[in-house]
Amino acid sequence: MQNAAHEDDSVLERFHFLVNAPALFNAVTTAAELRIFAFLSSKPGSDAQDIRAFCGLPAHQLRVLLQAVCTTGLLERRDGVYHNSAVAESLLAADDEPDSWSHILTGWKEVYYPAFAHMTTALRAGTNTALQAHPGDEPTLYGRLAHDPGLEEVFHRAMTAFTLRSVDALIEQPVFDGVRHVLDVGGGDGSTSARLVARHPGLTSTVFDMPSVSRLASGAEAGAHPDRVSLAPGDMFTDPFPEGPDAVLFSHVLEIFDEDSILLLMRKAYAALPSGGRVVVYGYNVSDDETEGVFGARLGLYFNVLASGRGMAYPARDYERWLRAAGFDEVGTVSGLPYEHGLSQGVKR
């Protein structure tokens, strides 16, 4: 009974934080957008008047904001002056870096979280009804963002930042040893490909994604390796995969879709590869019993409410089953990677 009571206490504590989290999330994001974390990194121990002079908020509103952010532990107030916590210094202070959590928070605030107000409607309807807030008639958010280049840039900046936070676990895998040419399907702005070729000197990569996304791939990440990262604009479902790869990479792509679509893409990968070619699937894995993984839970809800109306953070066993169904051998998964990630792979017979 005592253990049960302790469990109830921890769940209750989580509940109390959860019901206040939407407001606190937006407070932290606002502080990031006002560059308060960056300011305190350069001038730790500043008081409210110093911060006000920097960010321009009225005194009372700044007091309210600082109180909210301090309750999260990201800011600390000692003797009347403010400091970044170690976590804020690590994740939010360098807000001009491409992997800053500041970009991620802004993307989630502008794109993800407004849609969650429509969750009940969307789940009842069985489709991504929150997409109606975005102009266009495409069935997914990724297509409709092309109508709003500013929001599309915010979205992909957030995607890039989160990718860079998790990509090291991918590029350090021995699965790329000996690979000559990787096809990065749905590779976005080329950040993953850029990190891959930088880590593996003998590797070249082709980023295969929608034309509106591929135009973003001329940034600092992919643009740093123009001779080894090429772009092939196209639709992964309707256009043939580019020729020549000995590995096909799906990084943060397949979880967007349902089983039939995933099998279609895996079979296209199989057809594009030579004998001995390899497919690599990198992304979120929910636990085998589908009860653990807060990042994956958020992602699955986002897909179904807004992005695609389907998909989720699947358990690794699903990817392994689909790889075998597509014809791949030597199927297996490296699990326990950062941010609830896993890497599943297979080899063409």
Protein backbone atom coordinates (compact mmCIF):
# COMPACT_ATOMS: atom_id res chain seq x y z
CA MET A 1 0.00 0.00 0.00
CA GLN A 2 2.87 2.38 0.80
CA ASN A 3 4.45 1.84 -2.63
CA ALA A 4 1.08 2.47 -4.29
CA ALA A 5 0.72 5.70 -2.32
CA HIS A 6 4.16 6.85 -3.46
CA GLU A 7 3.21 6.06 -7.05
CA ASP A 8 0.00 8.04 -6.65
CA ASP A 9 2.02 10.97 -5.28
CA SER A 10 4.35 10.97 -8.29
CA VAL A 11 1.47 10.75 -10.76
CA LEU A 12 -0.35 13.55 -8.95
CA GLU A 13 2.78 15.71 -9.05
CA ARG A 14 3.10 15.05 -12.77
CA PHE A 15 -0.59 15.88 -13.24
CA HIS A 16 -0.22 19.22 -11.47
CA PHE A 17 2.74 20.14 -13.68
CA LEU A 18 0.97 18.89 -16.79
CA VAL A 19 -2.12 21.07 -16.37
CA ASN A 20 0.08 24.15 -15.99
CA ALA A 21 2.57 23.16 -18.70
CA PRO A 22 0.94 24.88 -21.72
CA ALA A 23 1.26 28.31 -20.09
CA LEU A 24 4.77 27.60 -18.83
CA PHE A 25 5.87 26.29 -22.23
CA ASN A 26 4.76 29.54 -23.85
CA ALA A 27 6.48 31.57 -21.13
CA VAL A 28 9.79 29.79 -21.77
CA THR A 29 9.35 30.21 -25.53
CA THR A 30 8.61 33.92 -25.07
CA ALA A 31 11.76 34.31 -22.98
CA ALA A 32 13.71 32.59 -25.74
CA GLU A 33 12.19 34.79 -28.43
CA LEU A 34 13.05 37.88 -26.36
CA ARG A 35 16.59 36.46 -26.12
CA ILE A 36 16.59 36.65 -22.33
CA PHE A 37 18.60 33.42 -22.04
CA ALA A 38 21.21 34.76 -24.49
CA PHE A 39 21.38 38.05 -22.56
CA LEU A 40 21.90 36.33 -19.21
CA SER A 41 24.57 34.14 -20.75
CA SER A 42 26.56 37.24 -21.67
CA LYS A 43 25.63 39.16 -18.49
CA PRO A 44 24.87 36.73 -15.67
CA GLY A 45 23.66 38.27 -12.44
CA SER A 46 21.56 40.94 -14.15
CA ASP A 47 18.57 42.38 -12.31
CA ALA A 48 15.09 42.96 -13.68
CA GLN A 49 15.93 46.52 -14.69
CA ASP A 50 18.89 45.31 -16.77
CA ILE A 51 16.74 42.68 -18.44
CA ARG A 52 13.99 45.21 -19.11
CA ALA A 53 16.46 47.58 -20.74
CA PHE A 54 17.52 44.73 -23.03
CA CYS A 55 14.15 43.23 -24.02
CA GLY A 56 11.82 46.21 -23.69
CA LEU A 57 8.95 44.60 -21.78
CA PRO A 58 6.95 46.76 -19.36
CA ALA A 59 8.15 46.24 -15.78
CA HIS A 60 5.06 44.43 -14.48
CA GLN A 61 4.79 42.08 -17.48
CA LEU A 62 8.50 41.25 -17.24
CA ARG A 63 8.06 40.46 -13.55
CA VAL A 64 5.26 38.03 -14.40
CA LEU A 65 7.30 36.40 -17.17
CA LEU A 66 10.42 35.99 -15.03
CA GLN A 67 8.37 34.47 -12.22
CA ALA A 68 6.88 31.91 -14.62
CA VAL A 69 10.24 30.93 -16.13
CA CYS A 70 11.84 30.67 -12.68
CA THR A 71 9.17 28.12 -11.65
CA THR A 72 10.41 25.84 -14.42
CA GLY A 73 13.95 25.96 -13.02
CA LEU A 74 15.39 27.30 -16.28
CA LEU A 75 16.07 30.67 -14.67
CA GLU A 76 17.39 31.10 -11.14
CA ARG A 77 16.95 34.19 -8.96
CA ARG A 78 19.57 34.67 -6.28
CA ASP A 79 19.87 37.82 -4.15
CA GLY A 80 17.54 39.67 -6.50
CA VAL A 81 19.47 38.97 -9.69
CA TYR A 82 18.95 36.36 -12.41
CA HIS A 83 21.06 33.56 -13.85
CA ASN A 84 20.55 30.86 -16.45
CA SER A 85 20.37 27.38 -15.02
CA ALA A 86 22.90 24.91 -16.39
CA VAL A 87 20.19 23.43 -18.63
CA ALA A 88 19.17 26.81 -20.02
CA GLU A 89 22.81 27.70 -20.63
CA SER A 90 23.29 24.46 -22.55
CA LEU A 91 20.07 24.38 -24.57
CA LEU A 92 18.86 27.97 -24.98
CA ALA A 93 21.63 30.51 -24.49
CA ALA A 94 23.35 30.11 -27.88
CA ASP A 95 20.18 30.95 -29.77
CA ASP A 96 22.01 31.75 -33.02
CA GLU A 97 23.32 28.19 -33.34
CA PRO A 98 21.39 25.89 -35.75
CA ASP A 99 20.81 23.26 -33.02
CA SER A 100 19.45 25.68 -30.41
CA TRP A 101 16.31 24.59 -28.60
CA SER A 102 15.08 28.17 -29.15
CA HIS A 103 14.33 27.23 -32.77
CA ILE A 104 12.53 24.07 -31.67
CA LEU A 105 10.35 25.89 -29.15
CA THR A 106 9.35 28.55 -31.68
CA GLY A 107 8.47 25.92 -34.28
CA TRP A 108 6.36 23.97 -31.80
CA LYS A 109 4.62 27.17 -30.65
CA GLU A 110 3.87 28.42 -34.16
CA VAL A 111 3.01 25.12 -35.87
CA TYR A 112 2.46 22.16 -33.53
CA TYR A 113 0.67 23.39 -30.45
CA PRO A 114 -2.07 25.60 -31.99
CA ALA A 115 -3.32 22.43 -33.70
CA PHE A 116 -3.68 20.51 -30.44
CA ALA A 117 -6.67 22.63 -29.46
CA HIS A 118 -8.51 20.66 -32.18
CA MET A 119 -7.41 17.23 -30.93
CA THR A 120 -10.83 15.92 -29.89
CA THR A 121 -12.38 16.91 -33.23
CA ALA A 122 -9.51 15.45 -35.24
CA LEU A 123 -9.37 12.13 -33.41
CA ARG A 124 -13.12 11.71 -33.63
CA ALA A 125 -13.05 12.47 -37.34
CA GLY A 126 -10.14 10.11 -37.91
CA THR A 127 -8.26 12.69 -39.94
CA ASN A 128 -6.08 15.77 -39.51
CA THR A 129 -8.84 18.39 -39.32
CA ALA A 130 -6.48 21.00 -37.83
CA LEU A 131 -4.91 21.24 -41.28
CA GLN A 132 -7.84 23.49 -42.27
CA ALA A 133 -6.06 26.40 -40.60
CA HIS A 134 -3.37 26.29 -43.31
CA PRO A 135 -4.00 27.50 -46.88
CA GLY A 136 -4.08 25.06 -49.77
CA ASP A 137 -5.76 21.76 -50.60
CA GLU A 138 -2.84 19.36 -50.09
CA PRO A 139 -3.62 16.51 -47.68
CA THR A 140 -0.56 17.04 -45.46
CA LEU A 141 1.02 19.94 -43.62
CA TYR A 142 4.25 19.40 -45.55
CA GLY A 143 2.49 20.19 -48.83
CA ARG A 144 0.56 23.16 -47.50
CA LEU A 145 3.56 24.86 -45.95
CA ALA A 146 4.73 25.68 -49.47
CA HIS A 147 1.95 28.31 -49.52
CA ASP A 148 3.49 30.07 -46.52
CA PRO A 149 7.28 30.31 -47.04
CA GLY A 150 7.81 32.20 -43.78
CA LEU A 151 6.10 29.55 -41.68
CA GLU A 152 7.77 26.81 -43.71
CA GLU A 153 11.15 28.29 -42.82
CA VAL A 154 10.22 28.43 -39.11
CA PHE A 155 9.07 24.81 -39.31
CA HIS A 156 12.21 23.52 -41.00
CA ARG A 157 14.47 25.53 -38.72
CA ALA A 158 12.84 23.73 -35.80
CA MET A 159 13.09 20.38 -37.58
CA THR A 160 16.75 20.99 -38.35
CA ALA A 161 17.53 21.95 -34.76
CA PHE A 162 15.94 18.79 -33.38
CA THR A 163 17.61 16.69 -36.06
CA LEU A 164 20.99 18.10 -35.11
CA ARG A 165 20.28 17.30 -31.45
CA SER A 166 19.77 13.63 -32.31
CA VAL A 167 21.80 13.08 -35.48
CA ASP A 168 25.13 12.18 -33.83
CA ALA A 169 23.66 8.87 -32.72
CA LEU A 170 22.88 8.15 -36.38
CA ILE A 171 26.11 9.20 -38.06
CA GLU A 172 28.30 7.31 -35.59
CA GLN A 173 26.67 3.98 -36.44
CA PRO A 174 28.92 1.48 -38.25
CA VAL A 175 26.11 0.84 -40.73
CA PHE A 176 27.62 3.58 -42.93
CA ASP A 177 31.10 2.09 -43.00
CA GLY A 178 31.85 1.21 -46.61
CA VAL A 179 28.78 2.96 -48.02
CA ARG A 180 29.59 4.96 -51.14
CA HIS A 181 26.37 6.83 -51.92
CA VAL A 182 23.36 7.30 -49.64
CA LEU A 183 19.93 8.40 -50.82
CA ASP A 184 18.45 10.59 -48.06
CA VAL A 185 14.71 10.24 -48.68
CA GLY A 186 12.74 13.12 -47.17
CA GLY A 187 16.06 14.69 -46.20
CA GLY A 188 14.65 18.20 -45.81
CA ASP A 189 17.25 20.94 -45.84
CA GLY A 190 20.14 18.48 -46.03
CA SER A 191 21.35 18.82 -42.44
CA THR A 192 21.52 15.07 -41.87
CA SER A 193 23.32 14.45 -45.16
CA ALA A 194 25.81 17.21 -44.39
CA ARG A 195 26.68 15.67 -41.04
CA LEU A 196 26.93 12.21 -42.61
CA VAL A 197 29.40 13.20 -45.32
CA ALA A 198 31.44 15.25 -42.84
CA ARG A 199 31.78 12.17 -40.63
CA HIS A 200 32.41 9.70 -43.49
CA PRO A 201 34.93 11.17 -45.98
CA GLY A 202 34.25 8.57 -48.71
CA LEU A 203 30.49 9.17 -48.71
CA THR A 204 28.27 11.23 -51.00
CA SER A 205 24.57 11.87 -50.46
CA THR A 206 21.54 12.77 -52.54
CA VAL A 207 18.70 14.56 -50.73
CA PHE A 208 15.35 13.55 -52.23
CA ASP A 209 12.48 15.78 -51.08
CA MET A 210 9.73 18.09 -52.31
CA PRO A 211 10.89 21.05 -54.43
CA SER A 212 9.69 23.62 -51.88
CA VAL A 213 11.79 21.89 -49.22
CA SER A 214 14.82 21.29 -51.40
CA ARG A 215 15.23 25.03 -51.98
CA LEU A 216 16.05 25.29 -48.26
CA ALA A 217 18.99 22.94 -48.69
CA SER A 218 21.36 25.68 -49.80
CA GLY A 219 21.93 26.76 -46.19
CA ALA A 220 25.06 26.51 -44.12
CA GLU A 221 24.75 22.79 -43.35
CA ALA A 222 24.29 21.29 -46.83
CA GLY A 223 26.01 24.20 -48.55
CA ALA A 224 29.24 23.38 -46.75
CA HIS A 225 29.63 20.25 -48.93
CA PRO A 226 28.36 21.22 -52.39
CA ASP A 227 30.45 18.56 -54.13
CA ARG A 228 29.20 15.73 -51.89
CA VAL A 229 25.57 16.64 -51.08
CA SER A 230 23.33 16.91 -54.14
CA LEU A 231 19.62 17.68 -54.40
CA ALA A 232 16.98 15.72 -56.29
CA PRO A 233 13.57 17.42 -55.95
CA GLY A 234 10.62 15.07 -56.24
CA ASP A 235 7.70 13.30 -54.61
CA MET A 236 8.83 10.19 -52.76
CA PHE A 237 5.54 8.40 -53.47
CA THR A 238 4.91 9.26 -57.13
CA ASP A 239 8.40 9.84 -58.54
CA PRO A 240 11.02 7.12 -59.00
CA PHE A 241 13.89 7.11 -56.53
CA PRO A 242 17.13 8.54 -57.97
CA GLU A 243 19.50 5.92 -59.29
CA GLY A 244 22.89 4.95 -57.94
CA PRO A 245 22.69 4.63 -54.13
CA ASP A 246 24.07 1.66 -52.24
CA ALA A 247 22.16 2.77 -49.12
CA VAL A 248 18.74 4.36 -48.65
CA LEU A 249 18.15 6.41 -45.50
CA PHE A 250 14.75 7.23 -44.03
CA SER A 251 15.49 9.62 -41.15
CA HIS A 252 12.44 11.01 -39.31
CA VAL A 253 10.25 10.16 -42.30
CA LEU A 254 8.44 6.83 -42.09
CA GLU A 255 6.73 7.56 -38.76
CA ILE A 256 4.64 10.18 -40.59
CA PHE A 257 2.75 7.51 -42.54
CA ASP A 258 0.59 4.41 -42.18
CA GLU A 259 1.60 0.82 -42.84
CA ASP A 260 0.64 0.73 -46.53
CA SER A 261 2.61 3.89 -47.28
CA ILE A 262 5.64 2.68 -45.31
CA LEU A 263 5.63 -0.64 -47.17
CA LEU A 264 5.41 1.21 -50.49
CA LEU A 265 8.46 3.31 -49.63
CA MET A 266 10.44 0.33 -48.37
CA ARG A 267 9.70 -1.57 -51.57
CA LYS A 268 10.80 1.42 -53.64
CA ALA A 269 14.02 1.46 -51.62
CA TYR A 270 14.48 -2.26 -52.27
CA ALA A 271 14.02 -1.72 -56.02
CA ALA A 272 16.49 1.20 -56.08
CA LEU A 273 19.27 -0.70 -54.31
CA PRO A 274 21.80 -3.13 -55.76
CA SER A 275 22.29 -6.57 -54.25
CA GLY A 276 23.96 -6.07 -50.90
CA GLY A 277 22.56 -2.53 -50.64
CA ARG A 278 21.29 -1.39 -47.28
CA VAL A 279 18.23 0.45 -45.99
CA VAL A 280 18.46 2.44 -42.76
CA VAL A 281 15.41 3.66 -40.80
CA TYR A 282 16.16 6.20 -38.07
CA GLY A 283 13.55 7.82 -35.86
CA TYR A 284 11.38 7.57 -32.80
CA ASN A 285 10.52 4.16 -31.32
CA VAL A 286 7.78 3.84 -28.75
CA SER A 287 8.34 1.11 -26.15
CA ASP A 288 7.29 -2.42 -27.10
CA ASP A 289 4.20 -2.23 -24.88
CA GLU A 290 3.41 1.25 -26.29
CA THR A 291 3.18 2.89 -22.86
CA GLU A 292 6.45 4.86 -22.66
CA GLY A 293 7.97 7.70 -24.64
CA VAL A 294 6.83 11.29 -24.15
CA PHE A 295 8.54 12.56 -27.30
CA GLY A 296 6.95 9.81 -29.33
CA ALA A 297 3.53 10.39 -27.77
CA ARG A 298 3.63 14.09 -28.67
CA LEU A 299 4.79 13.26 -32.18
CA GLY A 300 2.03 10.73 -32.81
CA LEU A 301 -0.64 13.20 -31.74
CA TYR A 302 0.87 15.91 -33.96
CA PHE A 303 0.82 13.60 -36.97
CA ASN A 304 -2.79 12.59 -36.52
CA VAL A 305 -4.19 16.00 -35.58
CA LEU A 306 -2.27 18.14 -38.08
CA ALA A 307 0.60 16.78 -40.16
CA SER A 308 -0.70 13.77 -42.06
CA GLY A 309 -3.75 12.32 -40.30
CA ARG A 310 -1.87 9.06 -39.71
CA GLY A 311 1.40 7.67 -38.45
CA MET A 312 2.95 7.43 -34.98
CA ALA A 313 6.18 6.57 -33.19
CA TYR A 314 6.04 2.86 -34.00
CA PRO A 315 7.75 0.16 -31.94
CA ALA A 316 10.88 -1.29 -33.53
CA ARG A 317 9.18 -4.63 -34.12
CA ASP A 318 6.85 -2.96 -36.66
CA TYR A 319 9.75 -1.64 -38.73
CA GLU A 320 11.47 -5.00 -38.64
CA ARG A 321 8.29 -6.73 -39.85
CA TRP A 322 7.88 -4.23 -42.70
CA LEU A 323 11.52 -4.56 -43.75
CA ARG A 324 11.14 -8.32 -44.04
CA ALA A 325 7.87 -7.92 -45.95
CA ALA A 326 9.67 -5.63 -48.41
CA GLY A 327 12.27 -8.35 -49.04
CA PHE A 328 15.19 -7.27 -46.85
CA ASP A 329 17.40 -9.73 -44.95
CA GLU A 330 19.71 -9.27 -41.94
CA VAL A 331 17.03 -7.16 -40.29
CA GLY A 332 17.69 -5.75 -36.84
CA THR A 333 17.43 -2.66 -34.63
CA VAL A 334 19.83 -0.63 -32.52
CA SER A 335 17.63 0.71 -29.72
CA GLY A 336 18.04 3.03 -26.74
CA LEU A 337 19.44 5.96 -28.73
CA PRO A 338 18.94 9.56 -27.51
CA TYR A 339 15.48 11.16 -27.54
CA GLU A 340 13.74 7.75 -27.72
CA HIS A 341 15.30 6.91 -31.09
CA GLY A 342 16.12 3.63 -32.72
CA LEU A 343 17.88 2.55 -35.91
CA SER A 344 16.43 -0.35 -37.89
CA GLN A 345 18.19 -1.74 -40.93
CA GLY A 346 18.09 -4.45 -43.57
CA VAL A 347 20.15 -5.69 -46.52
CA LYS A 348 18.92 -6.49 -50.03
CA ARG A 349 19.38 -10.11 -50.96
